[in-house]
């Protein structure tokens, strides 16, 4: 539950693909719930983009140096802006700005980009894994949580980090899983 007087970050969602039906409003609400559960407060802004495989493959190649589409990519912004200053000049954050959570000005958390067609194909692979029902709903929820945790600085490059990140994903998904049971409100991508 949010403290009195504290604002929630906003999530902007764009569905830029038509391979898999996506109910934008439902996933927007889910992403806001994830941010709330992990304690993100203030005037933050997160973008959640659903793209086709061609766009995802281009992003994967450009930013990760890998060929082909992946399921999710995250592009954190806030830590760069807060820790190293403005881009591109790396100057200070500005006069009397303070931390992003304290500022009345919006701060950018970053972008989470998901390829629903890839998610749809791999959803059955996760059936029974960590409470996953093998549905597109569960897969998209997992990818949104995974992407947001990357935005907030978690990683899984080494085994110890992967264990911690997976445990946090499980914790968040088990807390929010009741909101996912309303499959009529979330597109399954028939």
N, C-alpha and C. Protein backbone atom coordinates (compact mmCIF):
# COMPACT_ATOMS: atom_id res chain seq x y z
N UNK A 1 0.84 -1.18 0.00
CA UNK A 1 0.00 0.00 0.00
C UNK A 1 0.88 1.24 0.00
N UNK A 2 0.52 2.20 -0.76
CA UNK A 2 1.29 3.43 -0.88
C UNK A 2 1.07 4.34 0.31
N UNK A 3 2.16 4.96 0.78
CA UNK A 3 2.06 5.92 1.87
C UNK A 3 1.28 7.14 1.41
N UNK A 4 0.59 7.77 2.34
CA UNK A 4 -0.15 8.97 2.03
C UNK A 4 0.79 10.06 1.51
N UNK A 5 0.39 10.71 0.43
CA UNK A 5 1.18 11.80 -0.12
C UNK A 5 2.27 11.36 -1.08
N UNK A 6 2.48 10.05 -1.23
CA UNK A 6 3.51 9.55 -2.14
C UNK A 6 2.86 9.20 -3.48
N UNK A 7 3.52 9.56 -4.53
CA UNK A 7 2.94 9.26 -5.85
C UNK A 7 3.54 7.99 -6.42
N UNK A 8 2.80 7.41 -7.35
CA UNK A 8 3.23 6.22 -8.06
C UNK A 8 3.88 6.62 -9.37
N UNK A 9 4.88 5.87 -9.79
CA UNK A 9 5.43 6.12 -11.12
C UNK A 9 4.38 5.83 -12.19
N UNK A 10 4.55 6.44 -13.34
CA UNK A 10 3.67 6.19 -14.47
C UNK A 10 4.33 5.20 -15.41
N UNK A 11 3.51 4.38 -16.05
CA UNK A 11 4.00 3.44 -17.04
C UNK A 11 3.30 3.76 -18.35
N UNK A 12 4.11 3.98 -19.36
CA UNK A 12 3.58 4.24 -20.70
C UNK A 12 3.80 2.98 -21.53
N UNK A 13 2.73 2.49 -22.15
CA UNK A 13 2.81 1.25 -22.91
C UNK A 13 2.50 1.53 -24.36
N UNK A 14 3.29 0.92 -25.22
CA UNK A 14 3.06 1.03 -26.66
C UNK A 14 3.14 -0.36 -27.27
N UNK A 15 2.09 -0.73 -27.99
CA UNK A 15 2.08 -2.00 -28.70
C UNK A 15 2.40 -1.72 -30.16
N UNK A 16 3.63 -2.00 -30.54
CA UNK A 16 4.11 -1.68 -31.88
C UNK A 16 4.22 -2.93 -32.75
N UNK A 17 3.44 -3.93 -32.45
CA UNK A 17 3.43 -5.18 -33.21
C UNK A 17 1.99 -5.66 -33.33
N UNK A 18 1.76 -6.55 -34.27
CA UNK A 18 0.41 -7.11 -34.38
C UNK A 18 0.45 -8.63 -34.54
N UNK A 19 1.56 -9.25 -34.15
CA UNK A 19 1.69 -10.71 -34.22
C UNK A 19 0.87 -11.40 -33.13
N UNK A 20 0.84 -10.79 -31.96
CA UNK A 20 0.16 -11.35 -30.79
C UNK A 20 -0.72 -10.27 -30.20
N UNK A 21 -2.02 -10.55 -29.98
CA UNK A 21 -2.89 -9.54 -29.36
C UNK A 21 -2.40 -9.20 -27.94
N UNK A 22 -2.34 -7.91 -27.65
CA UNK A 22 -1.88 -7.42 -26.34
C UNK A 22 -2.93 -6.45 -25.80
N UNK A 23 -3.35 -6.68 -24.57
CA UNK A 23 -4.26 -5.74 -23.92
C UNK A 23 -3.41 -4.73 -23.14
N UNK A 24 -3.16 -3.62 -23.78
CA UNK A 24 -2.23 -2.61 -23.30
C UNK A 24 -2.56 -2.14 -21.88
N UNK A 25 -3.80 -1.84 -21.61
CA UNK A 25 -4.17 -1.30 -20.30
C UNK A 25 -3.89 -2.29 -19.18
N UNK A 26 -4.12 -3.55 -19.43
CA UNK A 26 -3.91 -4.58 -18.41
C UNK A 26 -2.43 -4.68 -18.05
N UNK A 27 -1.57 -4.68 -19.05
CA UNK A 27 -0.14 -4.80 -18.79
C UNK A 27 0.42 -3.51 -18.21
N UNK A 28 -0.19 -2.40 -18.52
CA UNK A 28 0.20 -1.13 -17.90
C UNK A 28 -0.06 -1.20 -16.40
N UNK A 29 -1.26 -1.66 -16.02
CA UNK A 29 -1.60 -1.78 -14.60
C UNK A 29 -0.68 -2.78 -13.90
N UNK A 30 -0.37 -3.87 -14.58
CA UNK A 30 0.51 -4.88 -13.98
C UNK A 30 1.91 -4.29 -13.72
N UNK A 31 2.45 -3.55 -14.68
CA UNK A 31 3.78 -2.95 -14.52
C UNK A 31 3.78 -1.95 -13.35
N UNK A 32 2.70 -1.19 -13.21
CA UNK A 32 2.59 -0.26 -12.08
C UNK A 32 2.59 -1.05 -10.77
N UNK A 33 1.88 -2.17 -10.74
CA UNK A 33 1.85 -3.01 -9.54
C UNK A 33 3.24 -3.55 -9.21
N UNK A 34 3.99 -3.96 -10.24
CA UNK A 34 5.35 -4.46 -10.02
C UNK A 34 6.20 -3.36 -9.41
N UNK A 35 6.14 -2.16 -9.98
CA UNK A 35 6.92 -1.04 -9.44
C UNK A 35 6.55 -0.76 -7.98
N UNK A 36 5.26 -0.87 -7.67
CA UNK A 36 4.80 -0.64 -6.30
C UNK A 36 5.37 -1.70 -5.36
N UNK A 37 5.31 -2.97 -5.78
CA UNK A 37 5.80 -4.07 -4.96
C UNK A 37 7.30 -3.92 -4.67
N UNK A 38 8.07 -3.47 -5.65
CA UNK A 38 9.52 -3.36 -5.43
C UNK A 38 9.91 -2.03 -4.78
N UNK A 39 8.91 -1.20 -4.48
CA UNK A 39 9.17 0.01 -3.72
C UNK A 39 9.58 1.24 -4.51
N UNK A 40 9.28 1.26 -5.81
CA UNK A 40 9.61 2.45 -6.60
C UNK A 40 8.53 3.49 -6.34
N UNK A 41 8.94 4.65 -5.90
CA UNK A 41 8.02 5.72 -5.55
C UNK A 41 8.40 6.99 -6.29
N UNK A 42 7.55 7.96 -6.24
CA UNK A 42 7.85 9.26 -6.81
C UNK A 42 7.31 9.42 -8.22
N UNK A 43 7.82 10.41 -8.89
CA UNK A 43 7.31 10.79 -10.21
C UNK A 43 8.09 10.12 -11.34
N UNK A 44 8.40 8.86 -11.18
CA UNK A 44 9.14 8.12 -12.19
C UNK A 44 8.27 7.77 -13.38
N UNK A 45 8.94 7.54 -14.50
CA UNK A 45 8.26 7.13 -15.72
C UNK A 45 9.00 5.93 -16.32
N UNK A 46 8.23 4.91 -16.67
CA UNK A 46 8.75 3.71 -17.30
C UNK A 46 8.01 3.51 -18.60
N UNK A 47 8.73 3.11 -19.64
CA UNK A 47 8.09 2.75 -20.90
C UNK A 47 8.14 1.24 -21.06
N UNK A 48 7.02 0.68 -21.47
CA UNK A 48 6.90 -0.74 -21.76
C UNK A 48 6.48 -0.85 -23.22
N UNK A 49 7.35 -1.44 -24.04
CA UNK A 49 7.09 -1.50 -25.47
C UNK A 49 6.99 -2.95 -25.92
N UNK A 50 5.96 -3.24 -26.68
CA UNK A 50 5.79 -4.55 -27.29
C UNK A 50 6.12 -4.39 -28.76
N UNK A 51 7.13 -5.13 -29.23
CA UNK A 51 7.61 -4.96 -30.61
C UNK A 51 7.61 -6.30 -31.34
N UNK A 52 7.71 -6.22 -32.67
CA UNK A 52 7.78 -7.44 -33.46
C UNK A 52 9.21 -7.99 -33.44
N UNK A 53 9.37 -9.18 -34.00
CA UNK A 53 10.66 -9.85 -33.94
C UNK A 53 11.74 -9.11 -34.73
N UNK A 54 11.37 -8.47 -35.82
CA UNK A 54 12.35 -7.73 -36.61
C UNK A 54 12.93 -6.57 -35.80
N UNK A 55 12.06 -5.81 -35.14
CA UNK A 55 12.53 -4.70 -34.31
C UNK A 55 13.36 -5.21 -33.14
N UNK A 56 12.93 -6.31 -32.53
CA UNK A 56 13.68 -6.86 -31.39
C UNK A 56 15.04 -7.37 -31.84
N UNK A 57 15.10 -8.01 -33.00
CA UNK A 57 16.39 -8.50 -33.50
C UNK A 57 17.34 -7.34 -33.75
N UNK A 58 16.83 -6.24 -34.28
CA UNK A 58 17.67 -5.06 -34.53
C UNK A 58 18.20 -4.49 -33.21
N UNK A 59 17.34 -4.40 -32.20
CA UNK A 59 17.77 -3.90 -30.88
C UNK A 59 18.78 -4.85 -30.24
N UNK A 60 18.52 -6.12 -30.35
CA UNK A 60 19.40 -7.13 -29.77
C UNK A 60 20.80 -7.05 -30.41
N UNK A 61 20.82 -6.86 -31.71
CA UNK A 61 22.11 -6.74 -32.42
C UNK A 61 22.82 -5.44 -32.04
N UNK A 62 22.09 -4.34 -32.07
CA UNK A 62 22.68 -3.02 -31.81
C UNK A 62 23.20 -2.89 -30.38
N UNK A 63 22.42 -3.34 -29.40
CA UNK A 63 22.79 -3.09 -28.01
C UNK A 63 23.45 -4.27 -27.29
N UNK A 64 23.19 -5.49 -27.77
CA UNK A 64 23.76 -6.65 -27.09
C UNK A 64 24.79 -7.38 -27.95
N UNK A 65 24.86 -7.01 -29.24
CA UNK A 65 25.81 -7.66 -30.14
C UNK A 65 25.43 -9.09 -30.47
N UNK A 66 24.14 -9.41 -30.33
CA UNK A 66 23.67 -10.78 -30.58
C UNK A 66 22.73 -10.80 -31.78
N UNK A 67 22.71 -11.92 -32.47
CA UNK A 67 21.87 -12.09 -33.64
C UNK A 67 20.49 -12.62 -33.24
N UNK A 68 19.47 -12.19 -33.97
CA UNK A 68 18.12 -12.70 -33.78
C UNK A 68 17.36 -12.00 -32.67
N UNK A 69 16.06 -12.24 -32.63
CA UNK A 69 15.24 -11.61 -31.59
C UNK A 69 15.41 -12.32 -30.25
N UNK A 70 15.26 -11.56 -29.19
CA UNK A 70 15.24 -12.12 -27.84
C UNK A 70 13.86 -11.82 -27.26
N UNK A 71 13.59 -12.27 -26.05
CA UNK A 71 12.27 -12.06 -25.47
C UNK A 71 12.11 -10.69 -24.83
N UNK A 72 13.13 -10.21 -24.11
CA UNK A 72 13.03 -8.94 -23.39
C UNK A 72 14.39 -8.26 -23.35
N UNK A 73 14.37 -6.95 -23.48
CA UNK A 73 15.55 -6.11 -23.30
C UNK A 73 15.16 -4.96 -22.39
N UNK A 74 16.09 -4.54 -21.55
CA UNK A 74 15.85 -3.42 -20.65
C UNK A 74 16.90 -2.35 -20.87
N UNK A 75 16.44 -1.12 -20.82
CA UNK A 75 17.32 0.02 -21.01
C UNK A 75 17.12 0.99 -19.85
N UNK A 76 17.89 0.81 -18.75
CA UNK A 76 17.74 1.71 -17.60
C UNK A 76 18.23 3.11 -17.93
N UNK A 77 17.54 4.09 -17.39
CA UNK A 77 17.92 5.48 -17.62
C UNK A 77 18.25 6.17 -16.30
N UNK A 78 17.45 5.97 -15.27
CA UNK A 78 17.57 6.73 -14.02
C UNK A 78 18.95 6.65 -13.41
N UNK A 79 19.55 5.46 -13.33
CA UNK A 79 20.84 5.36 -12.68
C UNK A 79 21.91 6.12 -13.45
N UNK A 80 21.81 6.16 -14.76
CA UNK A 80 22.76 6.92 -15.57
C UNK A 80 22.59 8.40 -15.30
N UNK A 81 21.34 8.87 -15.29
CA UNK A 81 21.08 10.29 -15.08
C UNK A 81 21.44 10.73 -13.67
N UNK A 82 21.22 9.88 -12.71
CA UNK A 82 21.46 10.25 -11.32
C UNK A 82 22.95 10.13 -10.98
N UNK A 83 23.59 9.03 -11.38
CA UNK A 83 24.96 8.79 -10.97
C UNK A 83 25.99 9.54 -11.80
N UNK A 84 25.77 9.66 -13.11
CA UNK A 84 26.82 10.24 -13.93
C UNK A 84 26.44 11.59 -14.51
N UNK A 85 25.27 12.10 -14.19
CA UNK A 85 24.88 13.41 -14.70
C UNK A 85 24.11 13.32 -15.98
N UNK A 86 23.94 14.47 -16.61
CA UNK A 86 23.15 14.53 -17.83
C UNK A 86 23.86 13.84 -18.98
N UNK A 87 23.09 13.30 -19.85
CA UNK A 87 23.65 12.79 -21.09
C UNK A 87 23.37 13.82 -22.16
N UNK A 88 24.24 14.12 -23.06
CA UNK A 88 25.53 13.47 -23.31
C UNK A 88 26.70 14.16 -22.64
N UNK A 89 26.50 15.25 -21.93
CA UNK A 89 27.66 16.00 -21.42
C UNK A 89 28.14 15.56 -20.05
N UNK A 90 27.45 14.63 -19.41
CA UNK A 90 27.81 14.11 -18.09
C UNK A 90 27.97 15.20 -17.04
N UNK A 91 27.25 16.29 -17.23
CA UNK A 91 27.25 17.36 -16.24
C UNK A 91 26.45 16.95 -15.02
N UNK A 92 26.30 17.84 -14.09
CA UNK A 92 25.53 17.56 -12.89
C UNK A 92 24.07 17.34 -13.19
N UNK A 93 23.36 16.84 -12.21
CA UNK A 93 21.93 16.56 -12.38
C UNK A 93 21.11 17.85 -12.42
N UNK A 94 21.71 18.95 -12.04
CA UNK A 94 21.00 20.22 -12.05
C UNK A 94 20.94 20.79 -10.66
N UNK A 95 20.60 22.05 -10.54
CA UNK A 95 20.60 22.68 -9.22
C UNK A 95 19.47 22.16 -8.34
N UNK A 96 19.84 21.78 -7.13
CA UNK A 96 18.86 21.39 -6.11
C UNK A 96 17.86 20.34 -6.57
N UNK A 97 18.33 19.38 -7.37
CA UNK A 97 17.41 18.36 -7.87
C UNK A 97 17.13 17.30 -6.82
N UNK A 98 18.13 16.88 -6.06
CA UNK A 98 17.92 15.84 -5.06
C UNK A 98 17.74 14.49 -5.72
N UNK A 99 17.29 13.51 -4.95
CA UNK A 99 17.10 12.18 -5.49
C UNK A 99 15.84 12.16 -6.35
N UNK A 100 15.77 11.22 -7.31
CA UNK A 100 14.60 11.15 -8.18
C UNK A 100 13.30 10.96 -7.40
N UNK A 101 13.35 10.14 -6.34
CA UNK A 101 12.14 9.87 -5.57
C UNK A 101 11.65 11.11 -4.83
N UNK A 102 12.55 12.06 -4.52
CA UNK A 102 12.17 13.25 -3.77
C UNK A 102 11.76 14.40 -4.68
N UNK A 103 12.18 14.39 -5.92
CA UNK A 103 11.93 15.49 -6.84
C UNK A 103 10.48 15.55 -7.26
N UNK A 104 9.99 16.76 -7.48
CA UNK A 104 8.65 16.93 -8.02
C UNK A 104 8.66 16.78 -9.55
N UNK A 105 9.85 16.84 -10.14
CA UNK A 105 9.99 16.65 -11.58
C UNK A 105 10.00 15.17 -11.89
N UNK A 106 9.46 14.77 -13.03
CA UNK A 106 9.50 13.35 -13.37
C UNK A 106 10.94 12.89 -13.65
N UNK A 107 11.22 11.66 -13.31
CA UNK A 107 12.51 11.07 -13.65
C UNK A 107 12.24 9.82 -14.47
N UNK A 108 13.12 9.52 -15.39
CA UNK A 108 12.94 8.40 -16.29
C UNK A 108 13.61 7.16 -15.71
N UNK A 109 12.83 6.11 -15.54
CA UNK A 109 13.37 4.84 -15.06
C UNK A 109 14.05 4.09 -16.20
N UNK A 110 13.39 4.06 -17.35
CA UNK A 110 13.95 3.36 -18.50
C UNK A 110 12.87 2.74 -19.35
N UNK A 111 13.32 1.88 -20.25
CA UNK A 111 12.43 1.21 -21.19
C UNK A 111 12.58 -0.30 -21.06
N UNK A 112 11.45 -0.99 -21.06
CA UNK A 112 11.43 -2.45 -21.13
C UNK A 112 10.78 -2.79 -22.46
N UNK A 113 11.49 -3.56 -23.27
CA UNK A 113 11.03 -3.92 -24.61
C UNK A 113 10.81 -5.43 -24.65
N UNK A 114 9.62 -5.83 -25.09
CA UNK A 114 9.25 -7.25 -25.12
C UNK A 114 8.79 -7.64 -26.52
N UNK A 115 9.19 -8.82 -26.95
CA UNK A 115 8.73 -9.39 -28.23
C UNK A 115 7.69 -10.46 -27.91
N UNK A 116 6.40 -10.13 -28.01
CA UNK A 116 5.36 -11.11 -27.66
C UNK A 116 5.40 -12.40 -28.49
N UNK A 117 5.82 -12.33 -29.74
CA UNK A 117 5.90 -13.55 -30.56
C UNK A 117 6.93 -14.52 -29.99
N UNK A 118 8.06 -14.00 -29.52
CA UNK A 118 9.08 -14.84 -28.88
C UNK A 118 8.52 -15.38 -27.57
N UNK A 119 7.87 -14.53 -26.80
CA UNK A 119 7.27 -14.95 -25.52
C UNK A 119 6.25 -16.06 -25.75
N UNK A 120 5.45 -15.92 -26.78
CA UNK A 120 4.43 -16.92 -27.09
C UNK A 120 5.06 -18.28 -27.39
N UNK A 121 6.11 -18.28 -28.18
CA UNK A 121 6.79 -19.53 -28.54
C UNK A 121 7.44 -20.21 -27.33
N UNK A 122 8.00 -19.43 -26.42
CA UNK A 122 8.73 -20.04 -25.31
C UNK A 122 7.88 -20.28 -24.08
N UNK A 123 6.63 -19.84 -24.07
CA UNK A 123 5.81 -19.96 -22.86
C UNK A 123 5.63 -21.41 -22.41
N UNK A 124 5.46 -22.33 -23.35
CA UNK A 124 5.30 -23.74 -22.98
C UNK A 124 6.56 -24.34 -22.38
N UNK A 125 7.72 -23.79 -22.76
CA UNK A 125 8.99 -24.27 -22.22
C UNK A 125 9.09 -24.06 -20.71
N UNK A 126 8.33 -23.10 -20.18
CA UNK A 126 8.41 -22.78 -18.75
C UNK A 126 7.29 -23.41 -17.92
N UNK A 127 6.47 -24.24 -18.56
CA UNK A 127 5.37 -24.90 -17.86
C UNK A 127 5.89 -25.63 -16.61
N UNK A 128 5.31 -25.29 -15.46
CA UNK A 128 5.68 -25.92 -14.20
C UNK A 128 6.93 -25.36 -13.56
N UNK A 129 7.66 -24.54 -14.28
CA UNK A 129 8.89 -23.95 -13.76
C UNK A 129 8.56 -22.74 -12.90
N UNK A 130 8.83 -22.84 -11.60
CA UNK A 130 8.64 -21.71 -10.68
C UNK A 130 7.19 -21.21 -10.69
N UNK A 131 6.23 -22.11 -10.76
CA UNK A 131 4.82 -21.72 -10.72
C UNK A 131 4.25 -21.28 -12.06
N UNK A 132 5.02 -21.36 -13.10
CA UNK A 132 4.59 -20.94 -14.45
C UNK A 132 3.57 -21.95 -14.98
N UNK A 133 2.45 -21.46 -15.50
CA UNK A 133 1.39 -22.32 -16.03
C UNK A 133 1.55 -22.61 -17.51
N UNK A 134 2.65 -22.14 -18.11
CA UNK A 134 2.87 -22.40 -19.52
C UNK A 134 2.03 -21.53 -20.43
N UNK A 135 1.48 -20.45 -19.91
CA UNK A 135 0.61 -19.57 -20.69
C UNK A 135 1.36 -18.31 -21.12
N UNK A 136 0.85 -17.68 -22.14
CA UNK A 136 1.41 -16.40 -22.56
C UNK A 136 1.27 -15.37 -21.45
N UNK A 137 0.19 -15.41 -20.71
CA UNK A 137 -0.02 -14.48 -19.59
C UNK A 137 1.13 -14.61 -18.59
N UNK A 138 1.45 -15.83 -18.18
CA UNK A 138 2.54 -16.03 -17.23
C UNK A 138 3.87 -15.60 -17.82
N UNK A 139 4.07 -15.87 -19.10
CA UNK A 139 5.34 -15.51 -19.74
C UNK A 139 5.51 -14.00 -19.82
N UNK A 140 4.46 -13.29 -20.23
CA UNK A 140 4.55 -11.83 -20.30
C UNK A 140 4.75 -11.23 -18.91
N UNK A 141 4.06 -11.78 -17.92
CA UNK A 141 4.25 -11.29 -16.54
C UNK A 141 5.69 -11.49 -16.09
N UNK A 142 6.25 -12.67 -16.35
CA UNK A 142 7.63 -12.94 -15.99
C UNK A 142 8.58 -11.98 -16.70
N UNK A 143 8.35 -11.74 -17.98
CA UNK A 143 9.24 -10.85 -18.74
C UNK A 143 9.14 -9.41 -18.26
N UNK A 144 7.95 -8.97 -17.89
CA UNK A 144 7.79 -7.61 -17.36
C UNK A 144 8.53 -7.48 -16.03
N UNK A 145 8.35 -8.44 -15.15
CA UNK A 145 9.05 -8.41 -13.86
C UNK A 145 10.56 -8.45 -14.10
N UNK A 146 11.00 -9.37 -14.95
CA UNK A 146 12.42 -9.52 -15.25
C UNK A 146 13.00 -8.22 -15.80
N UNK A 147 12.30 -7.62 -16.75
CA UNK A 147 12.78 -6.37 -17.34
C UNK A 147 12.84 -5.23 -16.34
N UNK A 148 11.83 -5.13 -15.49
CA UNK A 148 11.82 -4.06 -14.48
C UNK A 148 12.94 -4.27 -13.46
N UNK A 149 13.20 -5.51 -13.08
CA UNK A 149 14.30 -5.76 -12.15
C UNK A 149 15.64 -5.36 -12.77
N UNK A 150 15.79 -5.59 -14.08
CA UNK A 150 17.00 -5.11 -14.76
C UNK A 150 17.07 -3.59 -14.71
N UNK A 151 15.94 -2.93 -14.93
CA UNK A 151 15.90 -1.46 -14.87
C UNK A 151 16.39 -0.97 -13.51
N UNK A 152 16.04 -1.73 -12.47
CA UNK A 152 16.41 -1.33 -11.10
C UNK A 152 17.77 -1.87 -10.68
N UNK A 153 18.55 -2.41 -11.63
CA UNK A 153 19.93 -2.75 -11.35
C UNK A 153 20.25 -4.21 -11.08
N UNK A 154 19.26 -5.09 -11.08
CA UNK A 154 19.54 -6.50 -10.87
C UNK A 154 20.06 -7.12 -12.16
N UNK A 155 20.86 -8.18 -12.02
CA UNK A 155 21.41 -8.85 -13.19
C UNK A 155 21.51 -10.35 -12.91
N UNK A 156 21.87 -11.10 -13.93
CA UNK A 156 21.99 -12.56 -13.80
C UNK A 156 23.17 -13.09 -14.58
N UNK A 157 24.19 -12.26 -14.75
CA UNK A 157 25.37 -12.67 -15.50
C UNK A 157 26.19 -13.73 -14.78
N UNK A 158 26.23 -13.69 -13.46
CA UNK A 158 26.93 -14.73 -12.71
C UNK A 158 25.90 -15.49 -11.87
N UNK A 159 26.22 -16.71 -11.52
CA UNK A 159 25.28 -17.61 -10.86
C UNK A 159 24.67 -17.03 -9.58
N UNK A 160 25.48 -16.39 -8.76
CA UNK A 160 24.98 -15.83 -7.50
C UNK A 160 23.92 -14.76 -7.77
N UNK A 161 24.19 -13.91 -8.78
CA UNK A 161 23.22 -12.87 -9.14
C UNK A 161 21.94 -13.49 -9.70
N UNK A 162 22.09 -14.53 -10.50
CA UNK A 162 20.93 -15.20 -11.11
C UNK A 162 20.02 -15.79 -10.04
N UNK A 163 20.60 -16.41 -9.02
CA UNK A 163 19.81 -17.00 -7.94
C UNK A 163 19.02 -15.91 -7.21
N UNK A 164 19.68 -14.79 -6.91
CA UNK A 164 19.02 -13.69 -6.21
C UNK A 164 17.91 -13.09 -7.07
N UNK A 165 18.19 -12.89 -8.36
CA UNK A 165 17.20 -12.29 -9.25
C UNK A 165 15.99 -13.21 -9.43
N UNK A 166 16.23 -14.50 -9.62
CA UNK A 166 15.12 -15.45 -9.77
C UNK A 166 14.27 -15.51 -8.51
N UNK A 167 14.90 -15.47 -7.36
CA UNK A 167 14.14 -15.48 -6.10
C UNK A 167 13.26 -14.24 -6.01
N UNK A 168 13.80 -13.10 -6.40
CA UNK A 168 13.01 -11.85 -6.36
C UNK A 168 11.87 -11.92 -7.36
N UNK A 169 12.13 -12.45 -8.56
CA UNK A 169 11.05 -12.63 -9.55
C UNK A 169 9.95 -13.51 -8.98
N UNK A 170 10.33 -14.63 -8.37
CA UNK A 170 9.35 -15.55 -7.78
C UNK A 170 8.52 -14.86 -6.70
N UNK A 171 9.19 -14.08 -5.86
CA UNK A 171 8.51 -13.38 -4.78
C UNK A 171 7.47 -12.40 -5.34
N UNK A 172 7.86 -11.63 -6.34
CA UNK A 172 6.96 -10.64 -6.95
C UNK A 172 5.80 -11.34 -7.66
N UNK A 173 6.12 -12.36 -8.44
CA UNK A 173 5.07 -13.07 -9.19
C UNK A 173 4.11 -13.78 -8.27
N UNK A 174 4.59 -14.36 -7.17
CA UNK A 174 3.65 -15.03 -6.25
C UNK A 174 2.74 -14.01 -5.59
N UNK A 175 3.27 -12.81 -5.32
CA UNK A 175 2.44 -11.76 -4.72
C UNK A 175 1.41 -11.23 -5.73
N UNK A 176 1.79 -11.14 -6.99
CA UNK A 176 0.89 -10.56 -7.99
C UNK A 176 0.12 -11.60 -8.80
N UNK A 177 0.42 -12.87 -8.61
CA UNK A 177 -0.25 -13.92 -9.40
C UNK A 177 -1.77 -13.85 -9.32
N UNK A 178 -2.37 -13.52 -8.16
CA UNK A 178 -3.83 -13.41 -8.14
C UNK A 178 -4.37 -12.39 -9.15
N UNK A 179 -3.61 -11.34 -9.44
CA UNK A 179 -4.07 -10.36 -10.42
C UNK A 179 -3.97 -10.90 -11.83
N UNK A 180 -3.19 -11.98 -12.02
CA UNK A 180 -3.04 -12.59 -13.34
C UNK A 180 -4.10 -13.64 -13.62
N UNK A 181 -4.83 -14.06 -12.60
CA UNK A 181 -5.81 -15.15 -12.79
C UNK A 181 -7.00 -14.72 -13.60
N UNK A 182 -7.20 -13.42 -13.76
CA UNK A 182 -8.32 -12.93 -14.56
C UNK A 182 -7.93 -12.93 -16.04
N UNK A 183 -7.84 -14.15 -16.61
CA UNK A 183 -7.39 -14.29 -17.98
C UNK A 183 -8.29 -13.58 -18.98
N UNK A 184 -9.53 -13.33 -18.62
CA UNK A 184 -10.40 -12.60 -19.53
C UNK A 184 -9.96 -11.15 -19.69
N UNK A 185 -9.26 -10.63 -18.69
CA UNK A 185 -8.81 -9.24 -18.74
C UNK A 185 -7.45 -9.10 -19.41
N UNK A 186 -6.80 -10.25 -19.69
CA UNK A 186 -5.47 -10.22 -20.28
C UNK A 186 -5.50 -11.03 -21.56
N UNK A 187 -4.96 -10.50 -22.60
CA UNK A 187 -4.95 -11.21 -23.87
C UNK A 187 -4.05 -12.44 -23.78
N UNK A 188 -4.57 -13.57 -24.20
CA UNK A 188 -3.82 -14.80 -24.25
C UNK A 188 -3.14 -14.97 -25.60
N UNK A 189 -3.51 -14.17 -26.58
CA UNK A 189 -2.89 -14.29 -27.90
C UNK A 189 -3.24 -15.60 -28.56
N UNK A 190 -4.50 -15.79 -28.88
CA UNK A 190 -4.97 -17.04 -29.44
C UNK A 190 -4.29 -17.47 -30.70
